Each structure stands twice: as C-alpha cells, then as structure tokens.
Amino acid sequence: MMSKENKSRYALLGMLSLAPMSGYDLKKATDESIGYFWQENYAQIYPMLKQLTKEGLTTSHVEEQEGKPDRHVYTLTDKGREELQRWLSEPADYQVYRSELLLKLFFGKQTSLPVSAEHIRQYRERQVHLLHAIEGMEADFPERWNENPNAPYWLITMSYGRHNAQASIAWCDETLAALEKLSEQPETTTPNKEKTAYGN
C-alpha cells in the first residue's frame, strides 16, 4: 500500500486541475479546502512540484512581481490530467486508523477519571470549532461557489466533515456522562490486581 506521502502527488495534481498555482498558492488553497481531511507539508510541496514537472505532469513559468520574489506558477499538462484521472478511477486504499485519544482512554484505568475527562473535553472543543468552521463554509458556499462545476463534490466532502464532527460531539457527551457515573462508583479494585478479558 502506498504511503500518504506518495499520494501527495495526486493531491497536488488535483489542486492544479482547478487552476494554475504557485507553491504558495497551493499550500494556501489546500489548507482552505482539502486541508480539513488531507494536510500537506509546505516543505514537501516544492520538491514534489519539481518532480511532477520532471515527469511531464506539470509545466511551470515565471511571473515577475514588482518588489517581490518571482512567482513560479505550475500548470497541469494533458499527461498530468490523464495521470490524475487514472488514479481517481482506482479503488481508495484503506487508511490505517490511529487515535491517541482512544489509546489513552483504553488504558484509562491507569490514570485518574479527571484526566480522562479533560482529554474528552479538549477533543470536544476542537470538534465544536471544526463544526462551526464547516457550517460557516456551507453558509457562504452558495454565494461563492454555486456556479463552479466542482461545487457538488465539494459539498459532499463538507457534509462528511459535518456529520463526523456532530457524531464526535455526541460521543464526547456520552463519554463524559459515562465517566461521571464511574466517578460515583466506589473503588473496589486496584490496577495491578484487576483481572480483565485481556489478561490475568
């Protein structure tokens, strides 16, 4: 299975299918769009763009700017568009899921309930912030992007993010309630003596 770093080439090709951009433009555009589910390292963008140009998937030209460094603007070639379409037609790879929050909760018996509850509250706060950001984008969307032919697909990804954020917030509330119930129960075991289904 290819790594996320290898798939970055297709993220850049996809963004360049929308419009020619400089490396700076690409970073800004990805942060404001696919960055909610696919983040790119700014330091890797320029080497990747050079590699794509070397492969004939993009071309570049220099735009002079008065009082500023020249802009190297990259454009998708026909070969690059064909490569993007080839990748888009392939099945999506399964992404191995890792969550430090769930890992800490799984071993939550080894720490105090307030510590676990604080982890949940912090995560909930981030999800609320994300939900508000997505809802704000959806509210502005008709005015900014409705005429764009890509708009229906962008709305689909926004909907995914909104549903996930809403589900995460509901899970946080449910988990905080469960931790509150645990705090009301008397302590009857100690971690080093407790037997579980995962060991003796």
Protein backbone atom coordinates (compact mmCIF):
# COMPACT_ATOMS: atom_id res chain seq x y z
CA MET A 1 0.00 0.00 0.00
CA MET A 2 1.36 3.44 -0.91
CA SER A 3 2.02 5.86 1.90
CA LYS A 4 0.26 9.16 2.37
CA GLU A 5 3.45 10.94 1.24
CA ASN A 6 3.34 9.12 -2.11
CA LYS A 7 -0.30 10.09 -2.58
CA SER A 8 0.62 13.76 -2.12
CA ARG A 9 1.43 13.94 -5.84
CA TYR A 10 -2.24 13.31 -6.62
CA ALA A 11 -3.39 15.91 -4.11
CA LEU A 12 -1.22 18.48 -5.92
CA LEU A 13 -2.33 17.30 -9.37
CA GLY A 14 -5.93 17.57 -8.21
CA MET A 15 -5.48 21.11 -6.95
CA LEU A 16 -3.74 22.11 -10.18
CA SER A 17 -6.70 20.70 -12.13
CA LEU A 18 -8.70 23.57 -10.60
CA ALA A 19 -6.28 26.33 -11.65
CA PRO A 20 -2.57 27.05 -12.24
CA MET A 21 -0.89 27.92 -8.94
CA SER A 22 2.44 28.70 -7.34
CA GLY A 23 3.75 26.62 -4.45
CA TYR A 24 2.50 29.27 -2.02
CA ASP A 25 -0.91 29.33 -3.71
CA LEU A 26 -1.11 25.53 -3.48
CA LYS A 27 -0.37 25.50 0.23
CA LYS A 28 -2.96 28.19 0.92
CA ALA A 29 -5.58 26.54 -1.29
CA THR A 30 -5.07 23.09 0.25
CA ASP A 31 -5.28 24.50 3.78
CA GLU A 32 -8.62 26.12 2.95
CA SER A 33 -10.13 23.11 1.19
CA ILE A 34 -8.76 19.56 1.35
CA GLY A 35 -6.68 20.52 4.40
CA TYR A 36 -9.62 19.54 6.60
CA PHE A 37 -9.02 15.90 5.70
CA TRP A 38 -5.67 15.83 3.86
CA GLN A 39 -2.82 18.00 5.07
CA GLU A 40 0.32 18.75 3.09
CA ASN A 41 3.69 19.81 4.46
CA TYR A 42 4.77 23.11 2.89
CA ALA A 43 8.39 21.94 2.77
CA GLN A 44 7.38 18.96 0.61
CA ILE A 45 5.32 20.89 -1.92
CA TYR A 46 8.20 22.43 -3.88
CA PRO A 47 10.24 19.22 -4.25
CA MET A 48 7.06 17.41 -5.31
CA LEU A 49 6.25 20.11 -7.88
CA LYS A 50 9.75 19.82 -9.34
CA GLN A 51 9.32 16.05 -9.56
CA LEU A 52 5.94 16.40 -11.27
CA THR A 53 7.48 18.80 -13.79
CA LYS A 54 10.36 16.42 -14.39
CA GLU A 55 7.82 13.67 -15.15
CA GLY A 56 5.98 15.92 -17.59
CA LEU A 57 2.84 16.04 -15.46
CA THR A 58 3.10 19.80 -14.92
CA THR A 59 4.80 22.75 -16.57
CA SER A 60 5.99 25.93 -14.91
CA HIS A 61 6.60 29.52 -15.88
CA VAL A 62 7.94 32.54 -14.01
CA GLU A 63 5.82 35.60 -13.29
CA GLU A 64 7.75 38.69 -12.27
CA GLN A 65 6.41 40.70 -9.34
CA GLU A 66 7.44 44.26 -8.59
CA GLY A 67 9.10 44.46 -5.20
CA LYS A 68 8.53 40.75 -4.54
CA PRO A 69 10.27 37.49 -5.48
CA ASP A 70 9.27 35.98 -8.82
CA ARG A 71 6.34 33.53 -8.77
CA HIS A 72 6.87 30.07 -10.22
CA VAL A 73 3.42 29.11 -11.45
CA TYR A 74 2.65 25.45 -12.20
CA THR A 75 0.08 24.23 -14.70
CA LEU A 76 -1.31 20.73 -15.20
CA THR A 77 -0.37 19.14 -18.54
CA ASP A 78 -2.57 16.76 -20.53
CA LYS A 79 -0.34 13.93 -19.31
CA GLY A 80 -0.83 15.15 -15.73
CA ARG A 81 -4.60 15.25 -16.15
CA GLU A 82 -4.55 11.69 -17.53
CA GLU A 83 -2.47 10.55 -14.56
CA LEU A 84 -4.89 12.22 -12.14
CA GLN A 85 -7.87 10.58 -13.85
CA ARG A 86 -6.13 7.18 -13.78
CA TRP A 87 -5.58 7.49 -10.01
CA LEU A 88 -9.14 8.71 -9.42
CA SER A 89 -10.51 5.58 -11.13
CA GLU A 90 -8.62 3.25 -8.76
CA PRO A 91 -10.19 1.94 -5.52
CA ALA A 92 -9.30 4.08 -2.50
CA ASP A 93 -6.69 2.48 -0.24
CA TYR A 94 -7.72 1.55 3.28
CA GLN A 95 -6.15 4.01 5.70
CA VAL A 96 -4.94 2.51 8.98
CA TYR A 97 -6.70 4.44 11.74
CA ARG A 98 -4.69 5.61 14.75
CA SER A 99 -6.14 7.65 17.62
CA GLU A 100 -4.01 8.70 20.58
CA LEU A 101 -7.17 9.78 22.38
CA LEU A 102 -8.74 6.31 22.13
CA LEU A 103 -5.44 4.70 23.08
CA LYS A 104 -5.32 6.77 26.26
CA LEU A 105 -8.96 6.01 27.05
CA PHE A 106 -8.41 2.28 26.54
CA PHE A 107 -5.78 2.42 29.31
CA GLY A 108 -7.76 4.99 31.30
CA LYS A 109 -7.86 2.77 34.40
CA GLN A 110 -4.17 3.55 34.89
CA THR A 111 -4.84 7.24 35.44
CA SER A 112 -7.48 9.34 37.16
CA LEU A 113 -11.01 9.97 35.87
CA PRO A 114 -10.49 13.77 35.79
CA VAL A 115 -7.51 13.29 33.43
CA SER A 116 -9.57 11.18 31.02
CA ALA A 117 -12.49 13.61 31.23
CA GLU A 118 -10.18 16.53 30.41
CA HIS A 119 -8.92 14.72 27.31
CA ILE A 120 -12.54 14.35 26.17
CA ARG A 121 -13.39 17.99 26.86
CA GLN A 122 -10.40 19.19 24.87
CA TYR A 123 -11.30 16.91 21.96
CA ARG A 124 -14.93 18.07 22.11
CA GLU A 125 -13.82 21.70 21.97
CA ARG A 126 -11.80 21.01 18.82
CA GLN A 127 -14.75 19.24 17.21
CA VAL A 128 -17.09 22.12 18.04
CA HIS A 129 -14.61 24.53 16.47
CA LEU A 130 -14.37 22.33 13.37
CA LEU A 131 -18.16 22.04 13.12
CA HIS A 132 -18.57 25.82 13.29
CA ALA A 133 -15.92 26.25 10.60
CA ILE A 134 -17.65 23.78 8.28
CA GLU A 135 -21.08 25.28 8.90
CA GLY A 136 -19.62 28.71 8.13
CA MET A 137 -18.22 27.46 4.83
CA GLU A 138 -21.52 25.83 3.94
CA ALA A 139 -23.38 29.07 4.67
CA ASP A 140 -21.05 31.08 2.41
CA PHE A 141 -20.92 28.40 -0.26
CA PRO A 142 -23.91 29.40 -2.47
CA GLU A 143 -22.63 32.93 -2.90
CA ARG A 144 -19.01 31.96 -3.57
CA TRP A 145 -19.06 28.64 -5.41
CA ASN A 146 -22.50 27.62 -6.69
CA GLU A 147 -21.54 28.36 -10.30
CA ASN A 148 -18.39 26.22 -10.05
CA PRO A 149 -18.85 22.77 -11.67
CA ASN A 150 -16.87 21.22 -8.79
CA ALA A 151 -19.34 22.57 -6.22
CA PRO A 152 -21.45 19.40 -5.73
CA TYR A 153 -18.35 17.35 -4.95
CA TRP A 154 -17.00 19.95 -2.54
CA LEU A 155 -20.33 19.98 -0.72
CA ILE A 156 -20.15 16.19 -0.36
CA THR A 157 -16.81 16.41 1.44
CA MET A 158 -18.10 19.22 3.66
CA SER A 159 -21.11 17.10 4.57
CA TYR A 160 -18.81 14.24 5.56
CA GLY A 161 -16.86 16.56 7.86
CA ARG A 162 -20.03 17.99 9.40
CA HIS A 163 -21.51 14.56 10.10
CA ASN A 164 -18.25 13.35 11.63
CA ALA A 165 -17.92 16.41 13.85
CA GLN A 166 -21.53 16.09 15.01
CA ALA A 167 -21.06 12.39 15.78
CA SER A 168 -17.82 13.10 17.65
CA ILE A 169 -19.50 15.76 19.79
CA ALA A 170 -22.35 13.36 20.62
CA TRP A 171 -19.81 10.67 21.53
CA CYS A 172 -17.95 13.13 23.77
CA ASP A 173 -21.14 13.99 25.64
CA GLU A 174 -21.96 10.29 26.04
CA THR A 175 -18.43 9.53 27.23
CA LEU A 176 -18.34 12.38 29.72
CA ALA A 177 -21.63 11.08 31.17
CA ALA A 178 -20.15 7.57 31.42
CA LEU A 179 -17.04 8.88 33.18
CA GLU A 180 -19.25 10.85 35.57
CA LYS A 181 -21.09 7.64 36.51
CA LEU A 182 -17.76 5.89 37.08
CA SER A 183 -16.70 8.65 39.44
CA GLU A 184 -19.77 7.95 41.58
CA GLN A 185 -18.90 4.27 42.00
CA PRO A 186 -16.77 3.11 44.94
CA GLU A 187 -13.27 1.93 44.08
CA THR A 188 -13.18 -1.84 44.56
CA THR A 189 -10.09 -2.93 42.67
CA THR A 190 -6.55 -1.79 42.05
CA PRO A 191 -4.93 -1.80 38.60
CA ASN A 192 -2.22 -4.36 39.42
CA LYS A 193 -4.71 -6.90 40.86
CA GLU A 194 -7.58 -6.42 38.46
CA LYS A 195 -8.40 -9.25 36.04
CA THR A 196 -9.80 -8.47 32.63
CA ALA A 197 -10.62 -10.27 29.41
CA TYR A 198 -7.26 -9.09 28.07
CA GLY A 199 -5.03 -10.76 30.62
CA ASN A 200 -4.68 -12.39 34.02
